[in-house]
Amino acid sequence: MNVLDKNISYSNFDIKNHIQKKSDTLKIEEDKLKDEISYDITYLKNTLRKVQLAILILFFVVIVLEIMPKELLRDFETYKSDTINVLTIYTLIMLYLDKRKEWK
């Protein structure tokens, strides 16, 4: 029996339907990937913000309590108050940015 002898129904093979199904599948996959990427980006932003805040608090504690070798910073006493002021302001800004999302 020859392939050409068979009666093939063109109604079973609808190009529009096939293309529509493929485009719907691609759109679903694309939406899933966008959701995953947006979740990863927000997680990264939150993690970086928390790490920055922890480092700032650590710096602030080190400077206020003077937990450092004096040989490293010989002129530290002249810049101590300025450093504390800058770190305090920056820490307050970071705390505000961290808590702002919880307040919404």
PDB file of N, CA and C in Angstrom:
ATOM      1  N   MET A   1       0.843  -1.169   0.000  1.00  0.00           N
ATOM      2  CA  MET A   1       0.000   0.000   0.000  1.00  0.00           C
ATOM      3  C   MET A   1       0.889   1.233   0.000  1.00  0.00           C
ATOM      4  N   ASN A   2       0.579   2.127  -0.784  1.00  0.00           N
ATOM      5  CA  ASN A   2       1.350   3.335  -0.964  1.00  0.00           C
ATOM      6  C   ASN A   2       0.824   4.437  -0.037  1.00  0.00           C
ATOM      7  N   VAL A   3       1.715   5.299   0.399  1.00  0.00           N
ATOM      8  CA  VAL A   3       1.322   6.389   1.289  1.00  0.00           C
ATOM      9  C   VAL A   3       0.381   7.341   0.573  1.00  0.00           C
ATOM     10  N   LEU A   4       0.572   7.527  -0.673  1.00  0.00           N
ATOM     11  CA  LEU A   4      -0.275   8.442  -1.430  1.00  0.00           C
ATOM     12  C   LEU A   4      -1.688   7.905  -1.614  1.00  0.00           C
ATOM     13  N   ASP A   5      -1.858   6.619  -1.451  1.00  0.00           N
ATOM     14  CA  ASP A   5      -3.180   6.025  -1.618  1.00  0.00           C
ATOM     15  C   ASP A   5      -4.088   6.317  -0.424  1.00  0.00           C
ATOM     16  N   LYS A   6      -3.517   6.627   0.722  1.00  0.00           N
ATOM     17  CA  LYS A   6      -4.332   6.875   1.915  1.00  0.00           C
ATOM     18  C   LYS A   6      -5.005   8.235   1.794  1.00  0.00           C
ATOM     19  N   ASN A   7      -6.182   8.282   2.292  1.00  0.00           N
ATOM     20  CA  ASN A   7      -6.901   9.554   2.340  1.00  0.00           C
ATOM     21  C   ASN A   7      -6.550  10.260   3.651  1.00  0.00           C
ATOM     22  N   ILE A   8      -5.858  11.363   3.540  1.00  0.00           N
ATOM     23  CA  ILE A   8      -5.452  12.113   4.723  1.00  0.00           C
ATOM     24  C   ILE A   8      -6.425  13.267   4.895  1.00  0.00           C
ATOM     25  N   SER A   9      -6.957  13.354   6.097  1.00  0.00           N
ATOM     26  CA  SER A   9      -7.897  14.425   6.384  1.00  0.00           C
ATOM     27  C   SER A   9      -7.108  15.649   6.852  1.00  0.00           C
ATOM     28  N   TYR A  10      -7.282  16.738   6.145  1.00  0.00           N
ATOM     29  CA  TYR A  10      -6.580  17.961   6.508  1.00  0.00           C
ATOM     30  C   TYR A  10      -7.198  18.636   7.726  1.00  0.00           C
ATOM     31  N   SER A  11      -8.391  18.271   8.072  1.00  0.00           N
ATOM     32  CA  SER A  11      -9.030  18.872   9.249  1.00  0.00           C
ATOM     33  C   SER A  11      -8.350  18.419  10.542  1.00  0.00           C
ATOM     34  N   ASN A  12      -7.735  17.242  10.530  1.00  0.00           N
ATOM     35  CA  ASN A  12      -7.028  16.769  11.725  1.00  0.00           C
ATOM     36  C   ASN A  12      -5.703  17.510  11.924  1.00  0.00           C
ATOM     37  N   PHE A  13      -5.161  18.002  10.873  1.00  0.00           N
ATOM     38  CA  PHE A  13      -3.881  18.689  10.939  1.00  0.00           C
ATOM     39  C   PHE A  13      -4.114  20.178  10.690  1.00  0.00           C
ATOM     40  N   ASP A  14      -4.411  20.879  11.777  1.00  0.00           N
ATOM     41  CA  ASP A  14      -4.720  22.301  11.675  1.00  0.00           C
ATOM     42  C   ASP A  14      -3.489  23.100  12.100  1.00  0.00           C
ATOM     43  N   ILE A  15      -2.915  23.847  11.178  1.00  0.00           N
ATOM     44  CA  ILE A  15      -1.695  24.606  11.433  1.00  0.00           C
ATOM     45  C   ILE A  15      -1.950  25.715  12.455  1.00  0.00           C
ATOM     46  N   LYS A  16      -3.070  26.390  12.325  1.00  0.00           N
ATOM     47  CA  LYS A  16      -3.375  27.474  13.254  1.00  0.00           C
ATOM     48  C   LYS A  16      -3.462  26.962  14.688  1.00  0.00           C
ATOM     49  N   ASN A  17      -4.128  25.862  14.856  1.00  0.00           N
ATOM     50  CA  ASN A  17      -4.287  25.276  16.188  1.00  0.00           C
ATOM     51  C   ASN A  17      -2.930  24.867  16.761  1.00  0.00           C
ATOM     52  N   HIS A  18      -2.112  24.270  15.931  1.00  0.00           N
ATOM     53  CA  HIS A  18      -0.781  23.841  16.366  1.00  0.00           C
ATOM     54  C   HIS A  18       0.081  25.042  16.774  1.00  0.00           C
ATOM     55  N   ILE A  19       0.064  26.087  15.980  1.00  0.00           N
ATOM     56  CA  ILE A  19       0.845  27.286  16.284  1.00  0.00           C
ATOM     57  C   ILE A  19       0.327  27.951  17.558  1.00  0.00           C
ATOM     58  N   GLN A  20      -0.988  27.983  17.721  1.00  0.00           N
ATOM     59  CA  GLN A  20      -1.576  28.581  18.924  1.00  0.00           C
ATOM     60  C   GLN A  20      -1.166  27.818  20.183  1.00  0.00           C
ATOM     61  N   LYS A  21      -1.179  26.499  20.112  1.00  0.00           N
ATOM     62  CA  LYS A  21      -0.773  25.686  21.265  1.00  0.00           C
ATOM     63  C   LYS A  21       0.695  25.924  21.612  1.00  0.00           C
ATOM     64  N   LYS A  22       1.530  25.983  20.596  1.00  0.00           N
ATOM     65  CA  LYS A  22       2.959  26.221  20.834  1.00  0.00           C
ATOM     66  C   LYS A  22       3.197  27.609  21.431  1.00  0.00           C
ATOM     67  N   SER A  23       2.506  28.612  20.912  1.00  0.00           N
ATOM     68  CA  SER A  23       2.696  29.964  21.442  1.00  0.00           C
ATOM     69  C   SER A  23       2.173  30.075  22.878  1.00  0.00           C
ATOM     70  N   ASP A  24       1.076  29.384  23.190  1.00  0.00           N
ATOM     71  CA  ASP A  24       0.579  29.372  24.570  1.00  0.00           C
ATOM     72  C   ASP A  24       1.572  28.698  25.510  1.00  0.00           C
ATOM     73  N   THR A  25       2.154  27.603  25.058  1.00  0.00           N
ATOM     74  CA  THR A  25       3.146  26.902  25.872  1.00  0.00           C
ATOM     75  C   THR A  25       4.367  27.782  26.109  1.00  0.00           C
ATOM     76  N   LEU A  26       4.827  28.449  25.063  1.00  0.00           N
ATOM     77  CA  LEU A  26       5.973  29.350  25.206  1.00  0.00           C
ATOM     78  C   LEU A  26       5.661  30.516  26.141  1.00  0.00           C
ATOM     79  N   LYS A  27       4.453  31.045  26.055  1.00  0.00           N
ATOM     80  CA  LYS A  27       4.066  32.154  26.917  1.00  0.00           C
ATOM     81  C   LYS A  27       4.018  31.724  28.383  1.00  0.00           C
ATOM     82  N   ILE A  28       3.511  30.542  28.644  1.00  0.00           N
ATOM     83  CA  ILE A  28       3.464  30.023  30.017  1.00  0.00           C
ATOM     84  C   ILE A  28       4.872  29.844  30.567  1.00  0.00           C
ATOM     85  N   GLU A  29       5.750  29.275  29.764  1.00  0.00           N
ATOM     86  CA  GLU A  29       7.143  29.085  30.205  1.00  0.00           C
ATOM     87  C   GLU A  29       7.833  30.431  30.437  1.00  0.00           C
ATOM     88  N   GLU A  30       7.571  31.383  29.572  1.00  0.00           N
ATOM     89  CA  GLU A  30       8.172  32.709  29.723  1.00  0.00           C
ATOM     90  C   GLU A  30       7.682  33.387  31.001  1.00  0.00           C
ATOM     91  N   ASP A  31       6.398  33.260  31.301  1.00  0.00           N
ATOM     92  CA  ASP A  31       5.858  33.833  32.536  1.00  0.00           C
ATOM     93  C   ASP A  31       6.470  33.182  33.773  1.00  0.00           C
ATOM     94  N   LYS A  32       6.661  31.870  33.716  1.00  0.00           N
ATOM     95  CA  LYS A  32       7.298  31.169  34.837  1.00  0.00           C
ATOM     96  C   LYS A  32       8.721  31.677  35.053  1.00  0.00           C
ATOM     97  N   LEU A  33       9.466  31.835  33.965  1.00  0.00           N
ATOM     98  CA  LEU A  33      10.843  32.325  34.072  1.00  0.00           C
ATOM     99  C   LEU A  33      10.890  33.762  34.599  1.00  0.00           C
ATOM    100  N   LYS A  34       9.961  34.603  34.161  1.00  0.00           N
ATOM    101  CA  LYS A  34       9.912  35.979  34.661  1.00  0.00           C
ATOM    102  C   LYS A  34       9.628  36.004  36.160  1.00  0.00           C
ATOM    103  N   ASP A  35       8.706  35.144  36.611  1.00  0.00           N
ATOM    104  CA  ASP A  35       8.405  35.081  38.040  1.00  0.00           C
ATOM    105  C   ASP A  35       9.615  34.622  38.839  1.00  0.00           C
ATOM    106  N   GLU A  36      10.322  33.619  38.335  1.00  0.00           N
ATOM    107  CA  GLU A  36      11.508  33.123  39.034  1.00  0.00           C
ATOM    108  C   GLU A  36      12.595  34.194  39.100  1.00  0.00           C
ATOM    109  N   ILE A  37      12.802  34.904  38.012  1.00  0.00           N
ATOM    110  CA  ILE A  37      13.835  35.942  37.986  1.00  0.00           C
ATOM    111  C   ILE A  37      13.468  37.092  38.919  1.00  0.00           C
ATOM    112  N   SER A  38      12.212  37.499  38.922  1.00  0.00           N
ATOM    113  CA  SER A  38      11.816  38.598  39.814  1.00  0.00           C
ATOM    114  C   SER A  38      11.950  38.184  41.273  1.00  0.00           C
ATOM    115  N   TYR A  39      11.633  36.925  41.595  1.00  0.00           N
ATOM    116  CA  TYR A  39      11.817  36.436  42.967  1.00  0.00           C
ATOM    117  C   TYR A  39      13.296  36.444  43.341  1.00  0.00           C
ATOM    118  N   ASP A  40      14.144  35.979  42.425  1.00  0.00           N
ATOM    119  CA  ASP A  40      15.584  35.952  42.701  1.00  0.00           C
ATOM    120  C   ASP A  40      16.144  37.359  42.900  1.00  0.00           C
ATOM    121  N   ILE A  41      15.695  38.298  42.098  1.00  0.00           N
ATOM    122  CA  ILE A  41      16.196  39.669  42.214  1.00  0.00           C
ATOM    123  C   ILE A  41      15.759  40.298  43.535  1.00  0.00           C
ATOM    124  N   THR A  42      14.507  40.107  43.933  1.00  0.00           N
ATOM    125  CA  THR A  42      14.059  40.672  45.209  1.00  0.00           C
ATOM    126  C   THR A  42      14.772  40.009  46.377  1.00  0.00           C
ATOM    127  N   TYR A  43      15.009  38.709  46.287  1.00  0.00           N
ATOM    128  CA  TYR A  43      15.751  38.020  47.349  1.00  0.00           C
ATOM    129  C   TYR A  43      17.170  38.562  47.448  1.00  0.00           C
ATOM    130  N   LEU A  44      17.803  38.777  46.308  1.00  0.00           N
ATOM    131  CA  LEU A  44      19.164  39.315  46.291  1.00  0.00           C
ATOM    132  C   LEU A  44      19.210  40.729  46.872  1.00  0.00           C
ATOM    133  N   LYS A  45      18.245  41.571  46.505  1.00  0.00           N
ATOM    134  CA  LYS A  45      18.203  42.931  47.041  1.00  0.00           C
ATOM    135  C   LYS A  45      18.040  42.918  48.554  1.00  0.00           C
ATOM    136  N   ASN A  46      17.110  42.090  49.042  1.00  0.00           N
ATOM    137  CA  ASN A  46      16.886  42.029  50.490  1.00  0.00           C
ATOM    138  C   ASN A  46      18.106  41.492  51.218  1.00  0.00           C
ATOM    139  N   THR A  47      18.745  40.494  50.651  1.00  0.00           N
ATOM    140  CA  THR A  47      19.931  39.923  51.282  1.00  0.00           C
ATOM    141  C   THR A  47      21.065  40.931  51.321  1.00  0.00           C
ATOM    142  N   LEU A  48      21.292  41.627  50.223  1.00  0.00           N
ATOM    143  CA  LEU A  48      22.353  42.640  50.191  1.00  0.00           C
ATOM    144  C   LEU A  48      22.083  43.765  51.182  1.00  0.00           C
ATOM    145  N   ARG A  49      20.831  44.169  51.284  1.00  0.00           N
ATOM    146  CA  ARG A  49      20.486  45.233  52.223  1.00  0.00           C
ATOM    147  C   ARG A  49      20.753  44.790  53.663  1.00  0.00           C
ATOM    148  N   LYS A  50      20.402  43.556  53.974  1.00  0.00           N
ATOM    149  CA  LYS A  50      20.630  43.056  55.334  1.00  0.00           C
ATOM    150  C   LYS A  50      22.120  42.915  55.632  1.00  0.00           C
ATOM    151  N   VAL A  51      22.888  42.479  54.656  1.00  0.00           N
ATOM    152  CA  VAL A  51      24.339  42.356  54.853  1.00  0.00           C
ATOM    153  C   VAL A  51      24.962  43.735  55.040  1.00  0.00           C
ATOM    154  N   GLN A  52      24.545  44.708  54.238  1.00  0.00           N
ATOM    155  CA  GLN A  52      25.052  46.074  54.397  1.00  0.00           C
ATOM    156  C   GLN A  52      24.726  46.619  55.780  1.00  0.00           C
ATOM    157  N   LEU A  53      23.504  46.378  56.219  1.00  0.00           N
ATOM    158  CA  LEU A  53      23.098  46.868  57.528  1.00  0.00           C
ATOM    159  C   LEU A  53      23.900  46.211  58.641  1.00  0.00           C
ATOM    160  N   ALA A  54      24.129  44.912  58.536  1.00  0.00           N
ATOM    161  CA  ALA A  54      24.922  44.209  59.551  1.00  0.00           C
ATOM    162  C   ALA A  54      26.356  44.731  59.583  1.00  0.00           C
ATOM    163  N   ILE A  55      26.936  44.967  58.425  1.00  0.00           N
ATOM    164  CA  ILE A  55      28.310  45.485  58.372  1.00  0.00           C
ATOM    165  C   ILE A  55      28.377  46.893  58.958  1.00  0.00           C
ATOM    166  N   LEU A  56      27.386  47.721  58.654  1.00  0.00           N
ATOM    167  CA  LEU A  56      27.372  49.074  59.212  1.00  0.00           C
ATOM    168  C   LEU A  56      27.251  49.059  60.729  1.00  0.00           C
ATOM    169  N   ILE A  57      26.384  48.208  61.239  1.00  0.00           N
ATOM    170  CA  ILE A  57      26.240  48.111  62.692  1.00  0.00           C
ATOM    171  C   ILE A  57      27.532  47.607  63.313  1.00  0.00           C
ATOM    172  N   LEU A  58      28.169  46.653  62.674  1.00  0.00           N
ATOM    173  CA  LEU A  58      29.449  46.142  63.174  1.00  0.00           C
ATOM    174  C   LEU A  58      30.509  47.248  63.180  1.00  0.00           C
ATOM    175  N   PHE A  59      30.603  48.014  62.100  1.00  0.00           N
ATOM    176  CA  PHE A  59      31.547  49.137  62.058  1.00  0.00           C
ATOM    177  C   PHE A  59      31.252  50.149  63.164  1.00  0.00           C
ATOM    178  N   PHE A  60      29.983  50.433  63.349  1.00  0.00           N
ATOM    179  CA  PHE A  60      29.595  51.394  64.373  1.00  0.00           C
ATOM    180  C   PHE A  60      30.021  50.916  65.762  1.00  0.00           C
ATOM    181  N   VAL A  61      29.783  49.646  66.061  1.00  0.00           N
ATOM    182  CA  VAL A  61      30.170  49.089  67.361  1.00  0.00           C
ATOM    183  C   VAL A  61      31.684  49.110  67.519  1.00  0.00           C
ATOM    184  N   VAL A  62      32.397  48.759  66.466  1.00  0.00           N
ATOM    185  CA  VAL A  62      33.865  48.755  66.531  1.00  0.00           C
ATOM    186  C   VAL A  62      34.398  50.159  66.796  1.00  0.00           C
ATOM    187  N   ILE A  63      33.823  51.149  66.143  1.00  0.00           N
ATOM    188  CA  ILE A  63      34.310  52.517  66.317  1.00  0.00           C
ATOM    189  C   ILE A  63      33.937  53.065  67.691  1.00  0.00           C
ATOM    190  N   VAL A  64      32.708  52.829  68.119  1.00  0.00           N
ATOM    191  CA  VAL A  64      32.282  53.374  69.407  1.00  0.00           C
ATOM    192  C   VAL A  64      33.038  52.719  70.559  1.00  0.00           C
ATOM    193  N   LEU A  65      33.196  51.420  70.512  1.00  0.00           N
ATOM    194  CA  LEU A  65      33.865  50.712  71.607  1.00  0.00           C
ATOM    195  C   LEU A  65      35.380  50.672  71.452  1.00  0.00           C
ATOM    196  N   GLU A  66      35.867  51.212  70.366  1.00  0.00           N
ATOM    197  CA  GLU A  66      37.305  51.271  70.081  1.00  0.00           C
ATOM    198  C   GLU A  66      37.961  49.891  70.129  1.00  0.00           C
ATOM    199  N   ILE A  67      37.336  48.948  69.451  1.00  0.00           N
ATOM    200  CA  ILE A  67      37.877  47.592  69.375  1.00  0.00           C
ATOM    201  C   ILE A  67      38.725  47.498  68.113  1.00  0.00           C
ATOM    202  N   MET A  68      39.915  48.011  68.182  1.00  0.00           N
ATOM    203  CA  MET A  68      40.811  47.960  67.034  1.00  0.00           C
ATOM    204  C   MET A  68      42.233  48.229  67.509  1.00  0.00           C
ATOM    205  N   PRO A  69      43.187  47.720  66.804  1.00  0.00           N
ATOM    206  CA  PRO A  69      44.574  48.015  67.177  1.00  0.00           C
ATOM    207  C   PRO A  69      44.898  49.483  66.925  1.00  0.00           C
ATOM    208  N   LYS A  70      45.533  50.100  67.853  1.00  0.00           N
ATOM    209  CA  LYS A  70      45.878  51.521  67.722  1.00  0.00           C
ATOM    210  C   LYS A  70      46.939  51.754  66.651  1.00  0.00           C
ATOM    211  N   GLU A  71      47.728  50.737  66.347  1.00  0.00           N
ATOM    212  CA  GLU A  71      48.765  50.898  65.329  1.00  0.00           C
ATOM    213  C   GLU A  71      48.167  51.061  63.932  1.00  0.00           C
ATOM    214  N   LEU A  72      46.973  50.478  63.737  1.00  0.00           N
ATOM    215  CA  LEU A  72      46.357  50.578  62.412  1.00  0.00           C
ATOM    216  C   LEU A  72      45.907  52.002  62.105  1.00  0.00           C
ATOM    217  N   LEU A  73      45.330  52.623  63.079  1.00  0.00           N
ATOM    218  CA  LEU A  73      44.786  53.961  62.850  1.00  0.00           C
ATOM    219  C   LEU A  73      45.376  54.930  63.870  1.00  0.00           C
ATOM    220  N   ARG A  74      46.503  55.487  63.546  1.00  0.00           N
ATOM    221  CA  ARG A  74      47.175  56.404  64.473  1.00  0.00           C
ATOM    222  C   ARG A  74      46.423  57.726  64.592  1.00  0.00           C
ATOM    223  N   ASP A  75      45.861  58.179  63.502  1.00  0.00           N
ATOM    224  CA  ASP A  75      45.139  59.456  63.523  1.00  0.00           C
ATOM    225  C   ASP A  75      43.634  59.262  63.701  1.00  0.00           C
ATOM    226  N   PHE A  76      43.251  58.151  64.265  1.00  0.00           N
ATOM    227  CA  PHE A  76      41.825  57.835  64.386  1.00  0.00           C
ATOM    228  C   PHE A  76      41.095  58.804  65.309  1.00  0.00           C
ATOM    229  N   GLU A  77      41.744  59.265  66.338  1.00  0.00           N
ATOM    230  CA  GLU A  77      41.096  60.152  67.308  1.00  0.00           C
ATOM    231  C   GLU A  77      40.623  61.448  66.663  1.00  0.00           C
ATOM    232  N   THR A  78      41.328  61.922  65.657  1.00  0.00           N
ATOM    233  CA  THR A  78      40.908  63.169  65.008  1.00  0.00           C
ATOM    234  C   THR A  78      39.675  62.976  64.134  1.00  0.00           C
ATOM    235  N   TYR A  79      39.485  61.765  63.603  1.00  0.00           N
ATOM    236  CA  TYR A  79      38.351  61.501  62.714  1.00  0.00           C
ATOM    237  C   TYR A  79      37.247  60.703  63.380  1.00  0.00           C
ATOM    238  N   LYS A  80      37.384  60.394  64.655  1.00  0.00           N
ATOM    239  CA  LYS A  80      36.428  59.509  65.318  1.00  0.00           C
ATOM    240  C   LYS A  80      35.019  60.087  65.321  1.00  0.00           C
ATOM    241  N   SER A  81      34.848  61.324  65.691  1.00  0.00           N
ATOM    242  CA  SER A  81      33.503  61.897  65.771  1.00  0.00           C
ATOM    243  C   SER A  81      32.864  62.010  64.385  1.00  0.00           C
ATOM    244  N   ASP A  82      33.647  62.389  63.394  1.00  0.00           N
ATOM    245  CA  ASP A  82      33.112  62.460  62.027  1.00  0.00           C
ATOM    246  C   ASP A  82      32.696  61.086  61.529  1.00  0.00           C
ATOM    247  N   THR A  83      33.517  60.095  61.818  1.00  0.00           N
ATOM    248  CA  THR A  83      33.199  58.734  61.385  1.00  0.00           C
ATOM    249  C   THR A  83      31.937  58.231  62.060  1.00  0.00           C
ATOM    250  N   ILE A  84      31.795  58.491  63.339  1.00  0.00           N
ATOM    251  CA  ILE A  84      30.596  58.062  64.062  1.00  0.00           C
ATOM    252  C   ILE A  84      29.359  58.757  63.501  1.00  0.00           C
ATOM    253  N   ASN A  85      29.462  60.033  63.198  1.00  0.00           N
ATOM    254  CA  ASN A  85      28.316  60.761  62.640  1.00  0.00           C
ATOM    255  C   ASN A  85      27.903  60.201  61.283  1.00  0.00           C
ATOM    256  N   VAL A  86      28.861  59.964  60.430  1.00  0.00           N
ATOM    257  CA  VAL A  86      28.553  59.432  59.095  1.00  0.00           C
ATOM    258  C   VAL A  86      27.942  58.041  59.197  1.00  0.00           C
ATOM    259  N   LEU A  87      28.532  57.185  60.012  1.00  0.00           N
ATOM    260  CA  LEU A  87      27.992  55.833  60.161  1.00  0.00           C
ATOM    261  C   LEU A  87      26.612  55.839  60.801  1.00  0.00           C
ATOM    262  N   THR A  88      26.369  56.736  61.729  1.00  0.00           N
ATOM    263  CA  THR A  88      25.049  56.830  62.351  1.00  0.00           C
ATOM    264  C   THR A  88      23.994  57.226  61.326  1.00  0.00           C
ATOM    265  N   ILE A  89      24.289  58.225  60.541  1.00  0.00           N
ATOM    266  CA  ILE A  89      23.328  58.669  59.526  1.00  0.00           C
ATOM    267  C   ILE A  89      23.084  57.577  58.495  1.00  0.00           C
ATOM    268  N   TYR A  90      24.150  56.948  58.027  1.00  0.00           N
ATOM    269  CA  TYR A  90      24.000  55.897  57.021  1.00  0.00           C
ATOM    270  C   TYR A  90      23.248  54.700  57.594  1.00  0.00           C
ATOM    271  N   THR A  91      23.510  54.341  58.845  1.00  0.00           N
ATOM    272  CA  THR A  91      22.806  53.226  59.478  1.00  0.00           C
ATOM    273  C   THR A  91      21.329  53.551  59.639  1.00  0.00           C
ATOM    274  N   LEU A  92      21.013  54.774  60.023  1.00  0.00           N
ATOM    275  CA  LEU A  92      19.609  55.158  60.146  1.00  0.00           C
ATOM    276  C   LEU A  92      18.896  55.114  58.796  1.00  0.00           C
ATOM    277  N   ILE A  93      19.572  55.536  57.757  1.00  0.00           N
ATOM    278  CA  ILE A  93      18.979  55.465  56.416  1.00  0.00           C
ATOM    279  C   ILE A  93      18.730  54.015  56.025  1.00  0.00           C
ATOM    280  N   MET A  94      19.695  53.147  56.278  1.00  0.00           N
ATOM    281  CA  MET A  94      19.523  51.727  55.942  1.00  0.00           C
ATOM    282  C   MET A  94      18.404  51.095  56.768  1.00  0.00           C
ATOM    283  N   LEU A  95      18.304  51.446  58.048  1.00  0.00           N
ATOM    284  CA  LEU A  95      17.211  50.933  58.875  1.00  0.00           C
ATOM    285  C   LEU A  95      15.864  51.415  58.351  1.00  0.00           C
ATOM    286  N   TYR A  96      15.798  52.668  57.948  1.00  0.00           N
ATOM    287  CA  TYR A  96      14.559  53.194  57.389  1.00  0.00           C
ATOM    288  C   TYR A  96      14.172  52.446  56.117  1.00  0.00           C
ATOM    289  N   LEU A  97      15.132  52.229  55.229  1.00  0.00           N
ATOM    290  CA  LEU A  97      14.840  51.508  53.987  1.00  0.00           C
ATOM    291  C   LEU A  97      14.427  50.073  54.265  1.00  0.00           C
ATOM    292  N   ASP A  98      15.000  49.467  55.282  1.00  0.00           N
ATOM    293  CA  ASP A  98      14.663  48.092  55.628  1.00  0.00           C
ATOM    294  C   ASP A  98      13.255  48.008  56.214  1.00  0.00           C
ATOM    295  N   LYS A  99      12.882  48.944  57.056  1.00  0.00           N
ATOM    296  CA  LYS A  99      11.573  48.913  57.716  1.00  0.00           C
ATOM    297  C   LYS A  99      10.462  49.484  56.850  1.00  0.00           C
ATOM    298  N   ARG A 100      10.807  50.260  55.853  1.00  0.00           N
ATOM    299  CA  ARG A 100       9.800  50.902  55.016  1.00  0.00           C
ATOM    300  C   ARG A 100       8.889  49.885  54.343  1.00  0.00           C
ATOM    301  N   LYS A 101       9.448  48.774  53.916  1.00  0.00           N
ATOM    302  CA  LYS A 101       8.640  47.757  53.240  1.00  0.00           C
ATOM    303  C   LYS A 101       7.694  47.076  54.214  1.00  0.00           C
ATOM    304  N   GLU A 102       8.092  46.956  55.482  1.00  0.00           N
ATOM    305  CA  GLU A 102       7.207  46.350  56.472  1.00  0.00           C
ATOM    306  C   GLU A 102       6.051  47.280  56.817  1.00  0.00           C
ATOM    307  N   TRP A 103       6.253  48.574  56.722  1.00  0.00           N
ATOM    308  CA  TRP A 103       5.212  49.525  57.058  1.00  0.00           C
ATOM    309  C   TRP A 103       4.136  49.597  55.992  1.00  0.00           C
ATOM    310  N   LYS A 104       4.451  49.232  54.770  1.00  0.00           N
ATOM    311  CA  LYS A 104       3.470  49.320  53.675  1.00  0.00           C
ATOM    312  C   LYS A 104       2.410  48.261  53.790  1.00  0.00           C
TER     313      LYS A 104
END
